[in-house]
N, C-alpha and C. Protein backbone atom coordinates (compact mmCIF):
# COMPACT_ATOMS: atom_id res chain seq x y z
N UNK A 1 -2.98 -11.83 -24.46
CA UNK A 1 -2.43 -10.83 -23.53
C UNK A 1 -1.73 -11.54 -22.37
N UNK A 2 -0.55 -11.02 -21.99
CA UNK A 2 0.16 -11.64 -20.88
C UNK A 2 -0.53 -11.35 -19.55
N UNK A 3 -0.26 -12.18 -18.57
CA UNK A 3 -0.86 -11.99 -17.25
C UNK A 3 -0.29 -10.73 -16.59
N UNK A 4 -1.04 -10.18 -15.63
CA UNK A 4 -0.57 -8.97 -14.98
C UNK A 4 0.75 -9.21 -14.24
N UNK A 5 0.98 -10.44 -13.78
CA UNK A 5 2.24 -10.75 -13.10
C UNK A 5 3.44 -10.44 -13.98
N UNK A 6 3.29 -10.67 -15.29
CA UNK A 6 4.40 -10.49 -16.20
C UNK A 6 4.64 -9.03 -16.59
N UNK A 7 3.83 -8.13 -16.08
CA UNK A 7 4.10 -6.69 -16.21
C UNK A 7 4.92 -6.16 -15.04
N UNK A 8 5.05 -6.95 -14.00
CA UNK A 8 5.53 -6.42 -12.72
C UNK A 8 7.02 -6.62 -12.51
N UNK A 9 7.71 -5.49 -12.24
CA UNK A 9 9.06 -5.51 -11.70
C UNK A 9 8.89 -5.37 -10.18
N UNK A 10 9.06 -6.48 -9.47
CA UNK A 10 8.85 -6.54 -8.02
C UNK A 10 10.02 -5.80 -7.36
N UNK A 11 9.72 -4.68 -6.71
CA UNK A 11 10.74 -3.68 -6.42
C UNK A 11 10.97 -3.47 -4.93
N UNK A 12 12.25 -3.39 -4.55
CA UNK A 12 12.62 -3.01 -3.19
C UNK A 12 13.91 -2.19 -3.26
N UNK A 13 13.77 -0.89 -3.07
CA UNK A 13 14.90 0.02 -3.21
C UNK A 13 15.14 0.86 -1.96
N UNK A 14 14.45 0.54 -0.88
CA UNK A 14 14.66 1.27 0.37
C UNK A 14 16.11 1.15 0.82
N UNK A 15 16.70 2.24 1.30
CA UNK A 15 18.08 2.16 1.77
C UNK A 15 18.25 1.25 2.98
N UNK A 16 17.16 0.98 3.69
CA UNK A 16 17.22 0.12 4.87
C UNK A 16 17.00 -1.35 4.55
N UNK A 17 16.82 -1.70 3.29
CA UNK A 17 16.58 -3.09 2.90
C UNK A 17 17.77 -3.96 3.30
N UNK A 18 17.48 -5.10 3.88
CA UNK A 18 18.52 -6.03 4.33
C UNK A 18 18.66 -7.19 3.34
N UNK A 19 19.69 -8.00 3.55
CA UNK A 19 19.85 -9.18 2.69
C UNK A 19 18.65 -10.11 2.84
N UNK A 20 18.13 -10.23 4.05
CA UNK A 20 16.95 -11.07 4.26
C UNK A 20 15.75 -10.52 3.48
N UNK A 21 15.63 -9.20 3.42
CA UNK A 21 14.53 -8.58 2.67
C UNK A 21 14.66 -8.89 1.18
N UNK A 22 15.87 -8.86 0.66
CA UNK A 22 16.08 -9.12 -0.76
C UNK A 22 15.80 -10.58 -1.09
N UNK A 23 16.22 -11.49 -0.24
CA UNK A 23 15.92 -12.91 -0.46
C UNK A 23 14.41 -13.14 -0.45
N UNK A 24 13.72 -12.50 0.48
CA UNK A 24 12.26 -12.60 0.54
C UNK A 24 11.63 -12.05 -0.74
N UNK A 25 12.13 -10.92 -1.21
CA UNK A 25 11.63 -10.31 -2.46
C UNK A 25 11.78 -11.30 -3.62
N UNK A 26 12.93 -11.92 -3.72
CA UNK A 26 13.19 -12.86 -4.81
C UNK A 26 12.29 -14.09 -4.71
N UNK A 27 12.10 -14.59 -3.51
CA UNK A 27 11.24 -15.76 -3.34
C UNK A 27 9.78 -15.43 -3.67
N UNK A 28 9.36 -14.23 -3.33
CA UNK A 28 8.01 -13.78 -3.70
C UNK A 28 7.89 -13.69 -5.22
N UNK A 29 8.91 -13.18 -5.86
CA UNK A 29 8.88 -13.06 -7.32
C UNK A 29 8.76 -14.42 -7.99
N UNK A 30 9.46 -15.41 -7.45
CA UNK A 30 9.35 -16.77 -7.98
C UNK A 30 7.95 -17.34 -7.73
N UNK A 31 7.44 -17.13 -6.51
CA UNK A 31 6.13 -17.66 -6.15
C UNK A 31 5.02 -17.08 -7.02
N UNK A 32 5.09 -15.77 -7.29
CA UNK A 32 4.02 -15.10 -8.02
C UNK A 32 4.31 -14.94 -9.52
N UNK A 33 5.46 -15.44 -9.96
CA UNK A 33 5.82 -15.40 -11.37
C UNK A 33 5.88 -13.97 -11.90
N UNK A 34 6.48 -13.06 -11.12
CA UNK A 34 6.69 -11.71 -11.59
C UNK A 34 7.77 -11.70 -12.66
N UNK A 35 7.77 -10.65 -13.48
CA UNK A 35 8.76 -10.57 -14.56
C UNK A 35 10.18 -10.46 -14.01
N UNK A 36 10.34 -9.57 -13.02
CA UNK A 36 11.68 -9.35 -12.49
C UNK A 36 11.61 -8.87 -11.05
N UNK A 37 12.79 -8.82 -10.42
CA UNK A 37 12.96 -8.05 -9.20
C UNK A 37 13.82 -6.84 -9.57
N UNK A 38 13.54 -5.72 -8.90
CA UNK A 38 14.33 -4.51 -9.12
C UNK A 38 14.96 -4.11 -7.80
N UNK A 39 16.31 -4.08 -7.78
CA UNK A 39 17.05 -3.88 -6.54
C UNK A 39 18.18 -2.87 -6.77
N UNK A 40 18.71 -2.36 -5.66
CA UNK A 40 19.92 -1.55 -5.75
C UNK A 40 21.09 -2.42 -6.18
N UNK A 41 22.08 -1.80 -6.81
CA UNK A 41 23.13 -2.58 -7.48
C UNK A 41 23.95 -3.44 -6.54
N UNK A 42 24.08 -3.05 -5.28
CA UNK A 42 24.87 -3.88 -4.35
C UNK A 42 24.22 -5.23 -4.10
N UNK A 43 22.92 -5.34 -4.37
CA UNK A 43 22.21 -6.59 -4.11
C UNK A 43 22.05 -7.47 -5.37
N UNK A 44 22.61 -7.03 -6.49
CA UNK A 44 22.48 -7.82 -7.72
C UNK A 44 23.07 -9.22 -7.57
N UNK A 45 24.28 -9.38 -7.02
CA UNK A 45 24.80 -10.75 -6.88
C UNK A 45 23.90 -11.65 -6.05
N UNK A 46 23.35 -11.13 -4.96
CA UNK A 46 22.46 -11.92 -4.11
C UNK A 46 21.18 -12.27 -4.85
N UNK A 47 20.59 -11.30 -5.54
CA UNK A 47 19.35 -11.56 -6.29
C UNK A 47 19.61 -12.59 -7.39
N UNK A 48 20.72 -12.43 -8.08
CA UNK A 48 21.06 -13.36 -9.17
C UNK A 48 21.21 -14.79 -8.63
N UNK A 49 21.87 -14.92 -7.50
CA UNK A 49 22.06 -16.24 -6.90
C UNK A 49 20.73 -16.83 -6.43
N UNK A 50 19.90 -16.01 -5.79
CA UNK A 50 18.62 -16.49 -5.25
C UNK A 50 17.67 -16.90 -6.36
N UNK A 51 17.75 -16.22 -7.50
CA UNK A 51 16.83 -16.47 -8.62
C UNK A 51 17.41 -17.45 -9.64
N UNK A 52 18.56 -18.00 -9.35
CA UNK A 52 19.20 -18.94 -10.28
C UNK A 52 18.24 -20.08 -10.63
N UNK A 53 18.19 -20.40 -11.90
CA UNK A 53 17.33 -21.46 -12.45
C UNK A 53 15.84 -21.12 -12.41
N UNK A 54 15.52 -19.85 -12.15
CA UNK A 54 14.13 -19.41 -12.25
C UNK A 54 14.01 -18.48 -13.45
N UNK A 55 12.79 -18.27 -13.97
CA UNK A 55 12.63 -17.38 -15.12
C UNK A 55 12.60 -15.90 -14.76
N UNK A 56 12.68 -15.59 -13.47
CA UNK A 56 12.59 -14.19 -13.03
C UNK A 56 13.89 -13.46 -13.35
N UNK A 57 13.77 -12.29 -13.98
CA UNK A 57 14.94 -11.49 -14.33
C UNK A 57 15.37 -10.62 -13.16
N UNK A 58 16.60 -10.12 -13.26
CA UNK A 58 17.14 -9.20 -12.26
C UNK A 58 17.34 -7.84 -12.90
N UNK A 59 16.75 -6.83 -12.28
CA UNK A 59 16.89 -5.45 -12.73
C UNK A 59 17.64 -4.67 -11.66
N UNK A 60 18.60 -3.87 -12.08
CA UNK A 60 19.36 -3.03 -11.14
C UNK A 60 19.15 -1.56 -11.48
N UNK A 61 18.95 -0.75 -10.45
CA UNK A 61 18.93 0.70 -10.68
C UNK A 61 20.37 1.21 -10.74
N UNK A 62 20.53 2.33 -11.44
CA UNK A 62 21.85 2.95 -11.62
C UNK A 62 21.70 4.45 -11.48
N UNK A 63 22.63 5.09 -10.77
CA UNK A 63 22.54 6.53 -10.56
C UNK A 63 21.32 6.91 -9.76
N UNK A 64 20.96 6.06 -8.84
CA UNK A 64 19.68 6.14 -8.14
C UNK A 64 19.86 6.75 -6.76
N UNK A 65 18.92 7.61 -6.31
CA UNK A 65 17.69 8.05 -7.00
C UNK A 65 17.80 9.43 -7.65
N UNK A 66 18.96 10.08 -7.58
CA UNK A 66 19.05 11.49 -8.01
C UNK A 66 19.42 11.69 -9.47
N UNK A 67 20.18 10.75 -10.04
CA UNK A 67 20.60 10.90 -11.43
C UNK A 67 21.72 11.89 -11.64
N UNK A 68 22.27 12.44 -10.56
CA UNK A 68 23.23 13.53 -10.66
C UNK A 68 24.68 13.08 -10.61
N UNK A 69 24.92 11.78 -10.69
CA UNK A 69 26.28 11.25 -10.68
C UNK A 69 26.93 11.50 -12.05
N UNK A 70 28.24 11.37 -12.10
CA UNK A 70 28.94 11.52 -13.38
C UNK A 70 28.55 10.38 -14.32
N UNK A 71 28.68 10.63 -15.60
CA UNK A 71 28.40 9.60 -16.59
C UNK A 71 29.30 8.39 -16.37
N UNK A 72 30.58 8.66 -16.04
CA UNK A 72 31.52 7.56 -15.81
C UNK A 72 31.08 6.69 -14.64
N UNK A 73 30.55 7.32 -13.61
CA UNK A 73 30.07 6.56 -12.44
C UNK A 73 28.88 5.69 -12.82
N UNK A 74 27.95 6.26 -13.58
CA UNK A 74 26.77 5.49 -14.00
C UNK A 74 27.18 4.31 -14.87
N UNK A 75 28.10 4.57 -15.81
CA UNK A 75 28.53 3.50 -16.71
C UNK A 75 29.22 2.38 -15.95
N UNK A 76 30.06 2.75 -14.97
CA UNK A 76 30.75 1.73 -14.17
C UNK A 76 29.77 0.93 -13.34
N UNK A 77 28.81 1.61 -12.73
CA UNK A 77 27.80 0.90 -11.93
C UNK A 77 27.00 -0.05 -12.80
N UNK A 78 26.62 0.42 -14.00
CA UNK A 78 25.85 -0.42 -14.92
C UNK A 78 26.66 -1.63 -15.37
N UNK A 79 27.92 -1.41 -15.72
CA UNK A 79 28.81 -2.50 -16.17
C UNK A 79 28.96 -3.55 -15.07
N UNK A 80 29.18 -3.08 -13.85
CA UNK A 80 29.36 -4.00 -12.72
C UNK A 80 28.09 -4.79 -12.45
N UNK A 81 26.94 -4.12 -12.54
CA UNK A 81 25.66 -4.80 -12.31
C UNK A 81 25.44 -5.91 -13.33
N UNK A 82 25.74 -5.62 -14.59
CA UNK A 82 25.58 -6.64 -15.63
C UNK A 82 26.53 -7.80 -15.39
N UNK A 83 27.77 -7.50 -15.04
CA UNK A 83 28.75 -8.56 -14.76
C UNK A 83 28.31 -9.42 -13.58
N UNK A 84 27.57 -8.81 -12.65
CA UNK A 84 27.11 -9.53 -11.46
C UNK A 84 25.79 -10.27 -11.66
N UNK A 85 25.22 -10.16 -12.86
CA UNK A 85 24.03 -10.94 -13.16
C UNK A 85 22.77 -10.18 -13.48
N UNK A 86 22.84 -8.85 -13.56
CA UNK A 86 21.64 -8.08 -13.92
C UNK A 86 21.29 -8.29 -15.39
N UNK A 87 20.00 -8.38 -15.65
CA UNK A 87 19.50 -8.51 -17.03
C UNK A 87 19.04 -7.17 -17.58
N UNK A 88 18.66 -6.25 -16.69
CA UNK A 88 18.13 -4.95 -17.09
C UNK A 88 18.69 -3.87 -16.17
N UNK A 89 18.79 -2.66 -16.73
CA UNK A 89 19.27 -1.50 -15.98
C UNK A 89 18.22 -0.40 -16.03
N UNK A 90 17.87 0.13 -14.85
CA UNK A 90 16.99 1.31 -14.76
C UNK A 90 17.85 2.48 -14.28
N UNK A 91 18.24 3.37 -15.19
CA UNK A 91 19.09 4.50 -14.82
C UNK A 91 18.25 5.76 -14.68
N UNK A 92 18.69 6.65 -13.80
CA UNK A 92 18.00 7.92 -13.62
C UNK A 92 18.63 8.97 -14.53
N UNK A 93 17.80 9.65 -15.29
CA UNK A 93 18.26 10.73 -16.16
C UNK A 93 18.87 11.84 -15.32
N UNK A 94 19.79 12.60 -15.90
CA UNK A 94 20.36 13.74 -15.18
C UNK A 94 19.35 14.90 -15.25
N UNK A 95 18.53 14.99 -14.21
CA UNK A 95 17.42 15.94 -14.20
C UNK A 95 17.92 17.38 -14.26
N UNK A 96 18.97 17.67 -13.52
CA UNK A 96 19.48 19.03 -13.48
C UNK A 96 20.01 19.49 -14.83
N UNK A 97 20.75 18.63 -15.52
CA UNK A 97 21.25 18.99 -16.85
C UNK A 97 20.12 19.13 -17.86
N UNK A 98 19.10 18.27 -17.72
CA UNK A 98 17.94 18.40 -18.61
C UNK A 98 17.26 19.74 -18.42
N UNK A 99 17.04 20.12 -17.16
CA UNK A 99 16.36 21.38 -16.88
C UNK A 99 17.25 22.59 -17.21
N UNK A 100 18.56 22.35 -17.31
CA UNK A 100 19.49 23.42 -17.70
C UNK A 100 19.54 23.60 -19.21
N UNK A 101 18.93 22.68 -19.93
CA UNK A 101 18.95 22.76 -21.39
C UNK A 101 20.20 22.17 -22.02
N UNK A 102 20.99 21.46 -21.23
CA UNK A 102 22.21 20.84 -21.77
C UNK A 102 21.86 19.46 -22.32
N UNK A 103 21.15 19.48 -23.43
CA UNK A 103 20.60 18.24 -23.98
C UNK A 103 21.69 17.32 -24.53
N UNK A 104 22.79 17.89 -24.99
CA UNK A 104 23.90 17.08 -25.49
C UNK A 104 24.49 16.22 -24.38
N UNK A 105 24.65 16.82 -23.21
CA UNK A 105 25.21 16.07 -22.08
C UNK A 105 24.25 14.98 -21.61
N UNK A 106 22.95 15.27 -21.63
CA UNK A 106 21.96 14.28 -21.21
C UNK A 106 21.95 13.11 -22.20
N UNK A 107 22.02 13.43 -23.47
CA UNK A 107 22.06 12.39 -24.50
C UNK A 107 23.30 11.51 -24.33
N UNK A 108 24.45 12.15 -24.12
CA UNK A 108 25.70 11.41 -23.96
C UNK A 108 25.66 10.52 -22.73
N UNK A 109 25.03 11.00 -21.67
CA UNK A 109 24.91 10.23 -20.43
C UNK A 109 24.19 8.91 -20.68
N UNK A 110 23.05 8.99 -21.35
CA UNK A 110 22.25 7.80 -21.62
C UNK A 110 22.92 6.91 -22.66
N UNK A 111 23.45 7.53 -23.71
CA UNK A 111 24.11 6.77 -24.77
C UNK A 111 25.28 5.96 -24.23
N UNK A 112 26.05 6.55 -23.33
CA UNK A 112 27.21 5.88 -22.76
C UNK A 112 26.79 4.65 -21.97
N UNK A 113 25.75 4.78 -21.17
CA UNK A 113 25.29 3.64 -20.39
C UNK A 113 24.75 2.55 -21.32
N UNK A 114 23.99 2.95 -22.33
CA UNK A 114 23.46 1.95 -23.26
C UNK A 114 24.57 1.22 -23.99
N UNK A 115 25.57 1.93 -24.44
CA UNK A 115 26.70 1.28 -25.12
C UNK A 115 27.44 0.34 -24.16
N UNK A 116 27.51 0.72 -22.90
CA UNK A 116 28.21 -0.08 -21.91
C UNK A 116 27.52 -1.42 -21.68
N UNK A 117 26.18 -1.43 -21.70
CA UNK A 117 25.45 -2.66 -21.40
C UNK A 117 25.05 -3.43 -22.65
N UNK A 118 25.28 -2.86 -23.82
CA UNK A 118 25.04 -3.57 -25.08
C UNK A 118 23.59 -3.97 -25.29
N UNK A 119 23.36 -5.25 -25.45
CA UNK A 119 22.01 -5.73 -25.78
C UNK A 119 21.09 -5.84 -24.57
N UNK A 120 21.62 -5.61 -23.38
CA UNK A 120 20.77 -5.66 -22.19
C UNK A 120 19.79 -4.48 -22.22
N UNK A 121 18.65 -4.68 -21.55
CA UNK A 121 17.58 -3.67 -21.57
C UNK A 121 17.94 -2.47 -20.71
N UNK A 122 17.75 -1.27 -21.27
CA UNK A 122 17.96 -0.02 -20.53
C UNK A 122 16.65 0.74 -20.43
N UNK A 123 16.25 1.02 -19.18
CA UNK A 123 15.10 1.87 -18.91
C UNK A 123 15.62 3.18 -18.32
N UNK A 124 15.10 4.30 -18.79
CA UNK A 124 15.54 5.60 -18.29
C UNK A 124 14.43 6.22 -17.46
N UNK A 125 14.74 6.51 -16.20
CA UNK A 125 13.76 7.10 -15.27
C UNK A 125 13.80 8.61 -15.43
N UNK A 126 12.64 9.19 -15.77
CA UNK A 126 12.56 10.63 -16.05
C UNK A 126 12.28 11.47 -14.81
N UNK A 127 11.67 10.88 -13.80
CA UNK A 127 11.16 11.62 -12.63
C UNK A 127 10.21 12.73 -13.09
N UNK A 128 9.11 12.30 -13.69
CA UNK A 128 8.19 13.22 -14.35
C UNK A 128 7.59 14.27 -13.42
N UNK A 129 7.50 13.97 -12.13
CA UNK A 129 6.93 14.95 -11.20
C UNK A 129 7.81 16.19 -11.07
N UNK A 130 9.07 16.08 -11.50
CA UNK A 130 9.99 17.22 -11.42
C UNK A 130 10.11 17.96 -12.74
N UNK A 131 9.37 17.50 -13.76
CA UNK A 131 9.51 18.06 -15.10
C UNK A 131 8.23 18.73 -15.59
N UNK A 132 8.39 19.72 -16.44
CA UNK A 132 7.24 20.31 -17.14
C UNK A 132 6.85 19.39 -18.30
N UNK A 133 5.72 19.66 -18.90
CA UNK A 133 5.29 18.86 -20.05
C UNK A 133 6.33 18.92 -21.16
N UNK A 134 6.85 20.10 -21.46
CA UNK A 134 7.85 20.24 -22.52
C UNK A 134 9.12 19.48 -22.16
N UNK A 135 9.49 19.46 -20.88
CA UNK A 135 10.68 18.73 -20.46
C UNK A 135 10.48 17.22 -20.56
N UNK A 136 9.28 16.74 -20.27
CA UNK A 136 8.99 15.31 -20.45
C UNK A 136 9.13 14.94 -21.92
N UNK A 137 8.58 15.77 -22.78
CA UNK A 137 8.68 15.51 -24.23
C UNK A 137 10.14 15.47 -24.66
N UNK A 138 10.91 16.47 -24.24
CA UNK A 138 12.31 16.52 -24.63
C UNK A 138 13.09 15.33 -24.08
N UNK A 139 12.82 14.96 -22.84
CA UNK A 139 13.49 13.81 -22.24
C UNK A 139 13.21 12.54 -23.03
N UNK A 140 11.96 12.36 -23.44
CA UNK A 140 11.59 11.18 -24.23
C UNK A 140 12.28 11.19 -25.59
N UNK A 141 12.35 12.35 -26.22
CA UNK A 141 13.04 12.46 -27.51
C UNK A 141 14.51 12.10 -27.37
N UNK A 142 15.14 12.55 -26.29
CA UNK A 142 16.54 12.22 -26.04
C UNK A 142 16.72 10.72 -25.83
N UNK A 143 15.81 10.11 -25.08
CA UNK A 143 15.90 8.67 -24.82
C UNK A 143 15.82 7.87 -26.11
N UNK A 144 14.99 8.30 -27.03
CA UNK A 144 14.86 7.61 -28.31
C UNK A 144 16.17 7.74 -29.10
N UNK A 145 16.72 8.95 -29.14
CA UNK A 145 17.98 9.17 -29.85
C UNK A 145 19.10 8.33 -29.24
N UNK A 146 19.09 8.23 -27.91
CA UNK A 146 20.13 7.49 -27.19
C UNK A 146 19.90 5.98 -27.20
N UNK A 147 18.82 5.55 -27.83
CA UNK A 147 18.50 4.13 -28.01
C UNK A 147 18.15 3.41 -26.71
N UNK A 148 17.55 4.14 -25.78
CA UNK A 148 17.01 3.50 -24.58
C UNK A 148 15.86 2.58 -24.98
N UNK A 149 15.68 1.50 -24.25
CA UNK A 149 14.62 0.54 -24.56
C UNK A 149 13.28 0.94 -23.96
N UNK A 150 13.33 1.62 -22.80
CA UNK A 150 12.12 2.07 -22.10
C UNK A 150 12.31 3.49 -21.62
N UNK A 151 11.21 4.21 -21.49
CA UNK A 151 11.16 5.41 -20.67
C UNK A 151 10.26 5.11 -19.48
N UNK A 152 10.67 5.58 -18.31
CA UNK A 152 10.02 5.22 -17.05
C UNK A 152 9.66 6.50 -16.30
N UNK A 153 8.53 6.49 -15.63
CA UNK A 153 8.03 7.72 -15.02
C UNK A 153 8.85 8.20 -13.84
N UNK A 154 9.12 7.33 -12.86
CA UNK A 154 9.50 7.82 -11.54
C UNK A 154 10.44 6.88 -10.79
N UNK A 155 11.15 7.47 -9.83
CA UNK A 155 11.99 6.67 -8.93
C UNK A 155 11.19 6.09 -7.77
N UNK A 156 10.07 6.74 -7.42
CA UNK A 156 9.34 6.40 -6.21
C UNK A 156 9.85 7.20 -5.02
N UNK A 157 10.90 7.98 -5.23
CA UNK A 157 11.48 8.80 -4.17
C UNK A 157 11.25 10.29 -4.42
N UNK A 158 10.60 10.64 -5.53
CA UNK A 158 10.34 12.03 -5.86
C UNK A 158 9.07 12.54 -5.23
N UNK A 159 8.62 13.70 -5.69
CA UNK A 159 7.42 14.33 -5.11
C UNK A 159 6.13 13.71 -5.63
N UNK A 160 6.21 12.88 -6.64
CA UNK A 160 5.01 12.25 -7.19
C UNK A 160 5.38 11.01 -7.98
N UNK A 161 4.38 10.20 -8.28
CA UNK A 161 4.61 8.97 -9.03
C UNK A 161 4.02 9.02 -10.42
N UNK A 162 3.63 7.87 -10.92
CA UNK A 162 3.08 7.77 -12.27
C UNK A 162 1.72 8.46 -12.34
N UNK A 163 1.48 9.17 -13.44
CA UNK A 163 0.19 9.79 -13.69
C UNK A 163 -0.27 9.46 -15.11
N UNK A 164 -1.57 9.52 -15.30
CA UNK A 164 -2.13 9.29 -16.63
C UNK A 164 -1.59 10.33 -17.61
N UNK A 165 -1.54 11.58 -17.17
CA UNK A 165 -1.05 12.65 -18.04
C UNK A 165 0.37 12.38 -18.51
N UNK A 166 1.24 12.02 -17.58
CA UNK A 166 2.64 11.79 -17.95
C UNK A 166 2.77 10.61 -18.91
N UNK A 167 2.06 9.52 -18.64
CA UNK A 167 2.13 8.35 -19.52
C UNK A 167 1.63 8.69 -20.92
N UNK A 168 0.57 9.45 -21.01
CA UNK A 168 0.05 9.84 -22.33
C UNK A 168 1.05 10.69 -23.10
N UNK A 169 1.71 11.61 -22.41
CA UNK A 169 2.73 12.44 -23.06
C UNK A 169 3.89 11.56 -23.54
N UNK A 170 4.34 10.68 -22.68
CA UNK A 170 5.45 9.79 -23.03
C UNK A 170 5.10 8.89 -24.20
N UNK A 171 3.89 8.33 -24.17
CA UNK A 171 3.44 7.44 -25.23
C UNK A 171 3.38 8.16 -26.57
N UNK A 172 2.82 9.36 -26.56
CA UNK A 172 2.68 10.15 -27.79
C UNK A 172 4.05 10.53 -28.35
N UNK A 173 5.01 10.78 -27.46
CA UNK A 173 6.34 11.22 -27.90
C UNK A 173 7.17 10.07 -28.44
N UNK A 174 7.25 8.97 -27.72
CA UNK A 174 8.12 7.87 -28.16
C UNK A 174 7.46 7.03 -29.24
N UNK A 175 6.12 7.10 -29.31
CA UNK A 175 5.35 6.26 -30.24
C UNK A 175 5.77 4.80 -30.02
N UNK A 176 6.24 4.12 -31.05
CA UNK A 176 6.65 2.73 -30.87
C UNK A 176 8.17 2.57 -30.83
N UNK A 177 8.87 3.67 -30.58
CA UNK A 177 10.34 3.63 -30.61
C UNK A 177 10.96 3.27 -29.26
N UNK A 178 10.15 3.27 -28.22
CA UNK A 178 10.59 2.84 -26.90
C UNK A 178 9.35 2.37 -26.14
N UNK A 179 9.56 1.52 -25.17
CA UNK A 179 8.45 1.03 -24.36
C UNK A 179 8.25 1.92 -23.14
N UNK A 180 7.17 1.68 -22.41
CA UNK A 180 6.79 2.52 -21.28
C UNK A 180 6.79 1.72 -19.98
N UNK A 181 7.32 2.33 -18.92
CA UNK A 181 7.24 1.74 -17.59
C UNK A 181 6.66 2.78 -16.64
N UNK A 182 5.59 2.40 -15.95
CA UNK A 182 4.97 3.26 -14.94
C UNK A 182 5.42 2.80 -13.57
N UNK A 183 5.82 3.75 -12.73
CA UNK A 183 6.23 3.41 -11.37
C UNK A 183 5.92 4.58 -10.45
N UNK A 184 5.71 4.23 -9.18
CA UNK A 184 5.42 5.25 -8.18
C UNK A 184 3.93 5.38 -7.90
N UNK A 185 3.50 4.89 -6.74
CA UNK A 185 2.12 5.09 -6.30
C UNK A 185 1.11 4.10 -6.83
N UNK A 186 1.56 3.02 -7.46
CA UNK A 186 0.64 2.02 -8.00
C UNK A 186 0.48 0.93 -6.94
N UNK A 187 -0.67 0.89 -6.27
CA UNK A 187 -0.82 0.04 -5.09
C UNK A 187 -2.00 -0.92 -5.15
N UNK A 188 -2.76 -0.93 -6.25
CA UNK A 188 -3.90 -1.84 -6.33
C UNK A 188 -4.11 -2.28 -7.77
N UNK A 189 -4.93 -3.33 -7.93
CA UNK A 189 -5.15 -3.92 -9.25
C UNK A 189 -5.76 -2.91 -10.23
N UNK A 190 -6.74 -2.14 -9.76
CA UNK A 190 -7.43 -1.21 -10.65
C UNK A 190 -6.48 -0.19 -11.25
N UNK A 191 -5.58 0.35 -10.42
CA UNK A 191 -4.62 1.34 -10.92
C UNK A 191 -3.63 0.69 -11.88
N UNK A 192 -3.17 -0.50 -11.51
CA UNK A 192 -2.25 -1.22 -12.39
C UNK A 192 -2.89 -1.49 -13.74
N UNK A 193 -4.13 -1.96 -13.72
CA UNK A 193 -4.85 -2.27 -14.98
C UNK A 193 -5.06 -1.01 -15.81
N UNK A 194 -5.32 0.12 -15.14
CA UNK A 194 -5.51 1.38 -15.84
C UNK A 194 -4.27 1.73 -16.66
N UNK A 195 -3.10 1.59 -16.05
CA UNK A 195 -1.87 1.93 -16.77
C UNK A 195 -1.58 0.92 -17.88
N UNK A 196 -1.87 -0.33 -17.65
CA UNK A 196 -1.68 -1.33 -18.71
C UNK A 196 -2.59 -1.01 -19.89
N UNK A 197 -3.82 -0.63 -19.61
CA UNK A 197 -4.75 -0.27 -20.68
C UNK A 197 -4.30 0.96 -21.45
N UNK A 198 -3.52 1.82 -20.80
CA UNK A 198 -2.98 3.01 -21.47
C UNK A 198 -1.82 2.67 -22.39
N UNK A 199 -1.29 1.44 -22.27
CA UNK A 199 -0.22 1.02 -23.15
C UNK A 199 1.12 0.79 -22.48
N UNK A 200 1.13 0.78 -21.15
CA UNK A 200 2.37 0.55 -20.42
C UNK A 200 2.81 -0.91 -20.57
N UNK A 201 4.10 -1.11 -20.72
CA UNK A 201 4.65 -2.46 -20.92
C UNK A 201 5.20 -3.07 -19.63
N UNK A 202 5.46 -2.22 -18.62
CA UNK A 202 6.00 -2.73 -17.37
C UNK A 202 5.55 -1.82 -16.23
N UNK A 203 5.42 -2.41 -15.03
CA UNK A 203 5.03 -1.68 -13.83
C UNK A 203 6.10 -1.87 -12.77
N UNK A 204 6.61 -0.78 -12.24
CA UNK A 204 7.56 -0.86 -11.13
C UNK A 204 6.81 -0.66 -9.84
N UNK A 205 6.66 -1.72 -9.06
CA UNK A 205 5.80 -1.65 -7.87
C UNK A 205 6.42 -2.40 -6.71
N UNK A 206 6.16 -1.89 -5.50
CA UNK A 206 6.51 -2.62 -4.28
C UNK A 206 5.29 -3.32 -3.71
N UNK A 207 4.13 -3.13 -4.37
CA UNK A 207 2.87 -3.71 -3.90
C UNK A 207 2.37 -4.79 -4.86
N UNK A 208 3.30 -5.51 -5.48
CA UNK A 208 2.92 -6.49 -6.49
C UNK A 208 2.00 -7.58 -5.98
N UNK A 209 2.25 -8.05 -4.77
CA UNK A 209 1.41 -9.12 -4.23
C UNK A 209 -0.01 -8.63 -4.02
N UNK A 210 -0.16 -7.45 -3.44
CA UNK A 210 -1.49 -6.88 -3.24
C UNK A 210 -2.20 -6.70 -4.58
N UNK A 211 -1.47 -6.26 -5.59
CA UNK A 211 -2.06 -6.03 -6.91
C UNK A 211 -2.62 -7.33 -7.49
N UNK A 212 -1.82 -8.39 -7.49
CA UNK A 212 -2.30 -9.64 -8.12
C UNK A 212 -3.36 -10.32 -7.27
N UNK A 213 -3.41 -10.03 -5.97
CA UNK A 213 -4.42 -10.64 -5.12
C UNK A 213 -5.66 -9.76 -4.99
N UNK A 214 -5.69 -8.64 -5.71
CA UNK A 214 -6.86 -7.79 -5.71
C UNK A 214 -7.07 -7.01 -4.43
N UNK A 215 -5.98 -6.74 -3.72
CA UNK A 215 -6.05 -6.02 -2.46
C UNK A 215 -5.57 -4.59 -2.62
N UNK A 216 -5.79 -3.77 -1.62
CA UNK A 216 -5.29 -2.40 -1.58
C UNK A 216 -4.09 -2.36 -0.65
N UNK A 217 -2.93 -2.02 -1.18
CA UNK A 217 -1.75 -1.91 -0.34
C UNK A 217 -1.75 -0.59 0.40
N UNK A 218 -1.31 -0.61 1.64
CA UNK A 218 -1.18 0.63 2.42
C UNK A 218 0.28 1.06 2.51
N UNK A 219 1.12 0.52 1.61
CA UNK A 219 2.52 0.87 1.59
C UNK A 219 2.68 2.35 1.28
N UNK A 220 3.57 3.01 2.04
CA UNK A 220 3.85 4.41 1.77
C UNK A 220 5.12 4.57 0.96
N UNK A 221 5.59 3.44 0.39
CA UNK A 221 6.83 3.45 -0.40
C UNK A 221 6.47 3.23 -1.85
């Protein structure tokens, strides 16, 4: 079994994050051997440069945090992030179109981004706190059809974060056709381990250091 550090996408997506904050995030990721850093797309070049010659990957969010941008905008943002050094893309699903029942448009949105980034990893953020159980199931089915590599619970900016219920629904729906990422509200080792034991392959957290050091983070982000 891999170490808990290798489950962690060390994340900083606050709109107030500075270049100094991103450099600090990257240096922490190198120090603690986290799998990746997850940043807003404008910081991908800086993260890529700071992490050069290290094994830490760079993950960029796309269409964040609302998911309501045009497909063309998401695809362009994803393409630019990859060109600037991103290894993975975390895109937000179009929540409004999903809840409207326009499943074809949601599928096309994800498919377009995946085709744009090719073999790079695509994680789709569902924002499960905004969805019913049936909508979570449908979103996961769409992600599988669109060939997303992961389904992810939350942006961390919604009304709720990762829950056991949501992860179980996602796991049952995608089976082994996509991986799982839990994010939002994971602030200590016990909670992180709980989700890993449920079958999660990655954790999106801003409290990664507290988690690996066995502490309780008081972060409200």
